Amino acid sequence: MTPRLRRYTSSPRDVDQVIAPLIAVYAKVREPLLHLPNYAVPTFTERLERHGREPGFGAVLAFDAEDQPVGYAYGNTVESGDRWWTRMGEVDAEFTTSPALALKEIGVTMAHRGTGLARRVHDELLAGRSETYVSLMVNPAAGDGKVQRVYESWGYEVIGTSRPSPESPVLAAMIRRIATDEEAVR
């Protein structure tokens, strides 16, 4: 069975409902890295709870036939001057003058990698968003560069670097335009 997708919004009810399954699937996806401080479940939980209270929060979870979460993506709206942008250094004003979607996390379990599920979850998260751009940060070393190349194949381009915390590796900051509903139909 193809995993089914479920969308969550910034409503307090949705945020409360998404926290536990999102933490569970995150732990499965990031299992090999959980010993590192930046990837530890308590660190992720703190970030997720903070992000869930920020403007424009949205999440998508993918569930298998047993109703277990097997993929996820979430993000929120960022404005000009937000620390998302300031941590990148100098970013072209074209990207920061209007609200953008900051894609904070995306992942799928090992059994679902290479199936297109990550792209489905990603596209569902972007569907209907009002922001012009979506930005994400990726460790350029992840998968020996494969993860960044996947994002490039989805239309993202590198616009800078960021180190969100002292425990974090230096990340490539990437951006792409969000297709309008009319563009997506074509």
C-alpha atoms as a PDB file:
ATOM      1  CA  MET A   1       0.000   0.000   0.000  1.00  0.00           C
ATOM      2  CA  THR A   2       1.180   3.493  -0.801  1.00  0.00           C
ATOM      3  CA  PRO A   3       1.602   5.468   2.425  1.00  0.00           C
ATOM      4  CA  ARG A   4      -1.181   7.959   2.948  1.00  0.00           C
ATOM      5  CA  LEU A   5      -0.420  11.553   3.795  1.00  0.00           C
ATOM      6  CA  ARG A   6      -1.950  13.609   6.575  1.00  0.00           C
ATOM      7  CA  ARG A   7      -1.571  17.397   6.766  1.00  0.00           C
ATOM      8  CA  TYR A   8      -1.370  19.354  10.022  1.00  0.00           C
ATOM      9  CA  THR A   9      -1.738  23.126  10.467  1.00  0.00           C
ATOM     10  CA  SER A  10      -0.733  25.609  13.123  1.00  0.00           C
ATOM     11  CA  SER A  11      -3.982  25.148  15.038  1.00  0.00           C
ATOM     12  CA  PRO A  12      -3.232  24.197  18.657  1.00  0.00           C
ATOM     13  CA  ARG A  13      -5.198  20.952  18.179  1.00  0.00           C
ATOM     14  CA  ASP A  14      -3.145  19.941  15.112  1.00  0.00           C
ATOM     15  CA  VAL A  15       0.158  20.865  16.776  1.00  0.00           C
ATOM     16  CA  ASP A  16      -0.774  18.764  19.820  1.00  0.00           C
ATOM     17  CA  GLN A  17      -1.707  15.824  17.549  1.00  0.00           C
ATOM     18  CA  VAL A  18       1.444  15.922  15.430  1.00  0.00           C
ATOM     19  CA  ILE A  19       4.105  16.165  18.161  1.00  0.00           C
ATOM     20  CA  ALA A  20       4.204  12.509  19.319  1.00  0.00           C
ATOM     21  CA  PRO A  21       4.067  10.811  15.891  1.00  0.00           C
ATOM     22  CA  LEU A  22       6.540  13.308  14.456  1.00  0.00           C
ATOM     23  CA  ILE A  23       9.033  12.611  17.266  1.00  0.00           C
ATOM     24  CA  ALA A  24       8.551   8.850  16.767  1.00  0.00           C
ATOM     25  CA  VAL A  25       9.250   8.943  13.023  1.00  0.00           C
ATOM     26  CA  TYR A  26      12.126  11.390  13.494  1.00  0.00           C
ATOM     27  CA  ALA A  27      13.790   8.909  15.877  1.00  0.00           C
ATOM     28  CA  LYS A  28      13.433   6.116  13.281  1.00  0.00           C
ATOM     29  CA  VAL A  29      14.751   8.258  10.428  1.00  0.00           C
ATOM     30  CA  ARG A  30      17.682   9.760  12.355  1.00  0.00           C
ATOM     31  CA  GLU A  31      18.527   6.657  14.427  1.00  0.00           C
ATOM     32  CA  PRO A  32      22.189   6.443  13.315  1.00  0.00           C
ATOM     33  CA  LEU A  33      22.745  10.087  14.353  1.00  0.00           C
ATOM     34  CA  LEU A  34      20.834  10.240  17.637  1.00  0.00           C
ATOM     35  CA  HIS A  35      24.049  10.037  19.691  1.00  0.00           C
ATOM     36  CA  LEU A  36      25.121  13.426  18.312  1.00  0.00           C
ATOM     37  CA  PRO A  37      23.918  16.409  20.408  1.00  0.00           C
ATOM     38  CA  ASN A  38      22.328  18.253  17.479  1.00  0.00           C
ATOM     39  CA  TYR A  39      20.291  15.166  16.474  1.00  0.00           C
ATOM     40  CA  ALA A  40      19.363  13.875  19.958  1.00  0.00           C
ATOM     41  CA  VAL A  41      15.623  13.343  20.453  1.00  0.00           C
ATOM     42  CA  PRO A  42      15.374  15.835  23.378  1.00  0.00           C
ATOM     43  CA  THR A  43      17.078  18.497  21.229  1.00  0.00           C
ATOM     44  CA  PHE A  44      14.738  17.776  18.320  1.00  0.00           C
ATOM     45  CA  THR A  45      11.705  17.803  20.643  1.00  0.00           C
ATOM     46  CA  GLU A  46      12.637  21.239  21.966  1.00  0.00           C
ATOM     47  CA  ARG A  47      13.035  22.577  18.419  1.00  0.00           C
ATOM     48  CA  LEU A  48       9.782  21.009  17.239  1.00  0.00           C
ATOM     49  CA  GLU A  49       7.781  22.416  20.150  1.00  0.00           C
ATOM     50  CA  ARG A  50       9.248  25.879  19.504  1.00  0.00           C
ATOM     51  CA  HIS A  51       8.630  25.655  15.747  1.00  0.00           C
ATOM     52  CA  GLY A  52       5.051  24.468  16.342  1.00  0.00           C
ATOM     53  CA  ARG A  53       4.306  27.778  18.069  1.00  0.00           C
ATOM     54  CA  GLU A  54       5.816  29.896  15.284  1.00  0.00           C
ATOM     55  CA  PRO A  55       3.749  31.577  12.538  1.00  0.00           C
ATOM     56  CA  GLY A  56       2.692  29.508   9.553  1.00  0.00           C
ATOM     57  CA  PHE A  57       3.597  26.139  11.048  1.00  0.00           C
ATOM     58  CA  GLY A  58       2.592  23.202   8.883  1.00  0.00           C
ATOM     59  CA  ALA A  59       3.469  19.520   8.822  1.00  0.00           C
ATOM     60  CA  VAL A  60       2.794  16.458   6.706  1.00  0.00           C
ATOM     61  CA  LEU A  61       3.142  12.903   7.975  1.00  0.00           C
ATOM     62  CA  ALA A  62       3.056   9.731   5.886  1.00  0.00           C
ATOM     63  CA  PHE A  63       1.442   6.654   7.459  1.00  0.00           C
ATOM     64  CA  ASP A  64       1.761   3.028   6.419  1.00  0.00           C
ATOM     65  CA  ALA A  65      -1.039   0.418   6.359  1.00  0.00           C
ATOM     66  CA  GLU A  66      -0.591  -0.180  10.109  1.00  0.00           C
ATOM     67  CA  ASP A  67      -1.037   3.575  10.734  1.00  0.00           C
ATOM     68  CA  GLN A  68       2.629   3.957  11.720  1.00  0.00           C
ATOM     69  CA  PRO A  69       4.387   7.163  10.655  1.00  0.00           C
ATOM     70  CA  VAL A  70       7.023   6.473   7.983  1.00  0.00           C
ATOM     71  CA  GLY A  71       7.800   9.956   6.671  1.00  0.00           C
ATOM     72  CA  TYR A  72       7.465  13.588   7.588  1.00  0.00           C
ATOM     73  CA  ALA A  73       8.165  17.192   6.710  1.00  0.00           C
ATOM     74  CA  TYR A  74       7.447  20.359   8.595  1.00  0.00           C
ATOM     75  CA  GLY A  75       8.201  24.040   8.450  1.00  0.00           C
ATOM     76  CA  ASN A  76       6.938  27.495   9.166  1.00  0.00           C
ATOM     77  CA  THR A  77       6.802  30.973   7.702  1.00  0.00           C
ATOM     78  CA  VAL A  78       9.853  33.221   8.095  1.00  0.00           C
ATOM     79  CA  GLU A  79       9.964  36.951   7.454  1.00  0.00           C
ATOM     80  CA  SER A  80      12.794  39.300   6.535  1.00  0.00           C
ATOM     81  CA  GLY A  81      15.124  39.659   9.521  1.00  0.00           C
ATOM     82  CA  ASP A  82      14.204  36.252  10.970  1.00  0.00           C
ATOM     83  CA  ARG A  83      17.163  34.371  12.442  1.00  0.00           C
ATOM     84  CA  TRP A  84      16.647  31.792   9.675  1.00  0.00           C
ATOM     85  CA  TRP A  85      17.983  34.396   7.255  1.00  0.00           C
ATOM     86  CA  THR A  86      20.456  36.214   9.506  1.00  0.00           C
ATOM     87  CA  ARG A  87      22.372  33.006  10.259  1.00  0.00           C
ATOM     88  CA  MET A  88      23.086  32.693   6.517  1.00  0.00           C
ATOM     89  CA  GLY A  89      24.970  35.964   6.277  1.00  0.00           C
ATOM     90  CA  GLU A  90      24.197  38.060   3.235  1.00  0.00           C
ATOM     91  CA  VAL A  91      21.229  36.695   1.292  1.00  0.00           C
ATOM     92  CA  ASP A  92      19.805  38.279  -1.849  1.00  0.00           C
ATOM     93  CA  ALA A  93      16.888  40.543  -0.857  1.00  0.00           C
ATOM     94  CA  GLU A  94      14.783  38.921  -3.590  1.00  0.00           C
ATOM     95  CA  PHE A  95      14.386  35.916  -1.286  1.00  0.00           C
ATOM     96  CA  THR A  96      13.797  37.751   1.999  1.00  0.00           C
ATOM     97  CA  THR A  97      11.526  40.698   1.179  1.00  0.00           C
ATOM     98  CA  SER A  98       8.375  38.592   1.320  1.00  0.00           C
ATOM     99  CA  PRO A  99       7.488  35.717   3.660  1.00  0.00           C
ATOM    100  CA  ALA A 100       9.100  32.362   2.832  1.00  0.00           C
ATOM    101  CA  LEU A 101       8.530  28.829   4.042  1.00  0.00           C
ATOM    102  CA  ALA A 102      11.448  27.491   6.075  1.00  0.00           C
ATOM    103  CA  LEU A 103      11.460  23.717   5.607  1.00  0.00           C
ATOM    104  CA  LYS A 104      12.855  22.722   8.989  1.00  0.00           C
ATOM    105  CA  GLU A 105      12.851  18.922   8.670  1.00  0.00           C
ATOM    106  CA  ILE A 106      12.070  16.227   6.126  1.00  0.00           C
ATOM    107  CA  GLY A 107      12.742  12.507   6.231  1.00  0.00           C
ATOM    108  CA  VAL A 108      11.468   9.027   5.472  1.00  0.00           C
ATOM    109  CA  THR A 109      12.276   5.705   7.076  1.00  0.00           C
ATOM    110  CA  MET A 110      14.870   3.465   5.480  1.00  0.00           C
ATOM    111  CA  ALA A 111      12.252   1.110   4.005  1.00  0.00           C
ATOM    112  CA  HIS A 112      10.649   4.027   2.128  1.00  0.00           C
ATOM    113  CA  ARG A 113      13.768   5.700   0.754  1.00  0.00           C
ATOM    114  CA  GLY A 114      14.050   5.717  -3.004  1.00  0.00           C
ATOM    115  CA  THR A 115      10.289   5.268  -3.453  1.00  0.00           C
ATOM    116  CA  GLY A 116       9.390   8.909  -4.111  1.00  0.00           C
ATOM    117  CA  LEU A 117       7.752   9.266  -0.694  1.00  0.00           C
ATOM    118  CA  ALA A 118      10.025  12.121   0.397  1.00  0.00           C
ATOM    119  CA  ARG A 119       9.054  14.088  -2.711  1.00  0.00           C
ATOM    120  CA  ARG A 120       5.340  13.377  -2.131  1.00  0.00           C
ATOM    121  CA  VAL A 121       5.589  14.590   1.482  1.00  0.00           C
ATOM    122  CA  HIS A 122       7.582  17.652   0.382  1.00  0.00           C
ATOM    123  CA  ASP A 123       5.111  18.571  -2.351  1.00  0.00           C
ATOM    124  CA  GLU A 124       2.137  18.113  -0.038  1.00  0.00           C
ATOM    125  CA  LEU A 125       3.734  20.443   2.515  1.00  0.00           C
ATOM    126  CA  LEU A 126       4.174  23.100  -0.198  1.00  0.00           C
ATOM    127  CA  ALA A 127       0.692  22.658  -1.694  1.00  0.00           C
ATOM    128  CA  GLY A 128      -1.489  25.685  -1.119  1.00  0.00           C
ATOM    129  CA  ARG A 129       1.194  27.686   0.714  1.00  0.00           C
ATOM    130  CA  SER A 130       1.076  31.439   0.126  1.00  0.00           C
ATOM    131  CA  GLU A 131       4.829  32.039   0.385  1.00  0.00           C
ATOM    132  CA  THR A 132       6.820  32.695  -2.793  1.00  0.00           C
ATOM    133  CA  TYR A 133       9.905  30.689  -1.796  1.00  0.00           C
ATOM    134  CA  VAL A 134      10.810  27.665   0.281  1.00  0.00           C
ATOM    135  CA  SER A 135      14.216  27.430   1.906  1.00  0.00           C
ATOM    136  CA  LEU A 136      15.969  24.545   3.619  1.00  0.00           C
ATOM    137  CA  MET A 137      19.352  23.715   5.089  1.00  0.00           C
ATOM    138  CA  VAL A 138      21.209  20.493   4.381  1.00  0.00           C
ATOM    139  CA  ASN A 139      24.460  18.977   5.536  1.00  0.00           C
ATOM    140  CA  PRO A 140      26.444  18.824   2.274  1.00  0.00           C
ATOM    141  CA  ALA A 141      28.181  15.674   3.569  1.00  0.00           C
ATOM    142  CA  ALA A 142      24.890  13.796   4.145  1.00  0.00           C
ATOM    143  CA  GLY A 143      24.893  10.637   2.065  1.00  0.00           C
ATOM    144  CA  ASP A 144      28.220  11.698   0.549  1.00  0.00           C
ATOM    145  CA  GLY A 145      26.434  14.658  -1.058  1.00  0.00           C
ATOM    146  CA  LYS A 146      23.479  12.619  -2.335  1.00  0.00           C
ATOM    147  CA  VAL A 147      20.903  14.424  -0.169  1.00  0.00           C
ATOM    148  CA  GLN A 148      21.921  17.840  -1.480  1.00  0.00           C
ATOM    149  CA  ARG A 149      21.823  16.517  -5.048  1.00  0.00           C
ATOM    150  CA  VAL A 150      18.268  15.273  -4.464  1.00  0.00           C
ATOM    151  CA  TYR A 151      17.219  18.784  -3.398  1.00  0.00           C
ATOM    152  CA  GLU A 152      18.965  20.228  -6.445  1.00  0.00           C
ATOM    153  CA  SER A 153      16.964  17.817  -8.632  1.00  0.00           C
ATOM    154  CA  TRP A 154      13.820  19.234  -6.974  1.00  0.00           C
ATOM    155  CA  GLY A 155      14.810  22.735  -8.085  1.00  0.00           C
ATOM    156  CA  TYR A 156      16.686  24.024  -5.034  1.00  0.00           C
ATOM    157  CA  GLU A 157      19.861  26.068  -5.395  1.00  0.00           C
ATOM    158  CA  VAL A 158      22.510  26.932  -2.809  1.00  0.00           C
ATOM    159  CA  ILE A 159      22.371  30.561  -1.637  1.00  0.00           C
ATOM    160  CA  GLY A 160      24.781  30.433   1.304  1.00  0.00           C
ATOM    161  CA  THR A 161      25.788  28.531   4.396  1.00  0.00           C
ATOM    162  CA  SER A 162      24.592  28.425   7.980  1.00  0.00           C
ATOM    163  CA  ARG A 163      25.635  26.953  11.287  1.00  0.00           C
ATOM    164  CA  PRO A 164      22.456  27.044  13.384  1.00  0.00           C
ATOM    165  CA  SER A 165      24.184  25.970  16.604  1.00  0.00           C
ATOM    166  CA  PRO A 166      27.693  25.182  17.819  1.00  0.00           C
ATOM    167  CA  GLU A 167      26.811  21.459  17.708  1.00  0.00           C
ATOM    168  CA  SER A 168      25.624  21.678  14.106  1.00  0.00           C
ATOM    169  CA  PRO A 169      27.806  21.088  11.075  1.00  0.00           C
ATOM    170  CA  VAL A 170      28.042  23.903   8.540  1.00  0.00           C
ATOM    171  CA  LEU A 171      24.956  23.524   6.363  1.00  0.00           C
ATOM    172  CA  ALA A 172      24.239  24.524   2.782  1.00  0.00           C
ATOM    173  CA  ALA A 173      21.336  26.981   2.676  1.00  0.00           C
ATOM    174  CA  MET A 174      19.113  26.261  -0.332  1.00  0.00           C
ATOM    175  CA  ILE A 175      16.051  27.878  -1.860  1.00  0.00           C
ATOM    176  CA  ARG A 176      13.519  27.395  -4.631  1.00  0.00           C
ATOM    177  CA  ARG A 177      10.327  29.027  -5.792  1.00  0.00           C
ATOM    178  CA  ILE A 178       7.026  27.512  -4.642  1.00  0.00           C
ATOM    179  CA  ALA A 179       4.862  26.802  -7.655  1.00  0.00           C
ATOM    180  CA  THR A 180       1.514  28.542  -7.611  1.00  0.00           C
ATOM    181  CA  ASP A 181      -1.579  26.365  -8.010  1.00  0.00           C
ATOM    182  CA  GLU A 182      -1.779  27.476 -11.655  1.00  0.00           C
ATOM    183  CA  GLU A 183       1.880  26.567 -12.300  1.00  0.00           C
ATOM    184  CA  ALA A 184       1.464  23.182 -10.608  1.00  0.00           C
ATOM    185  CA  VAL A 185      -1.471  22.302 -12.911  1.00  0.00           C
ATOM    186  CA  ARG A 186       0.563  22.949 -16.077  1.00  0.00           C
END
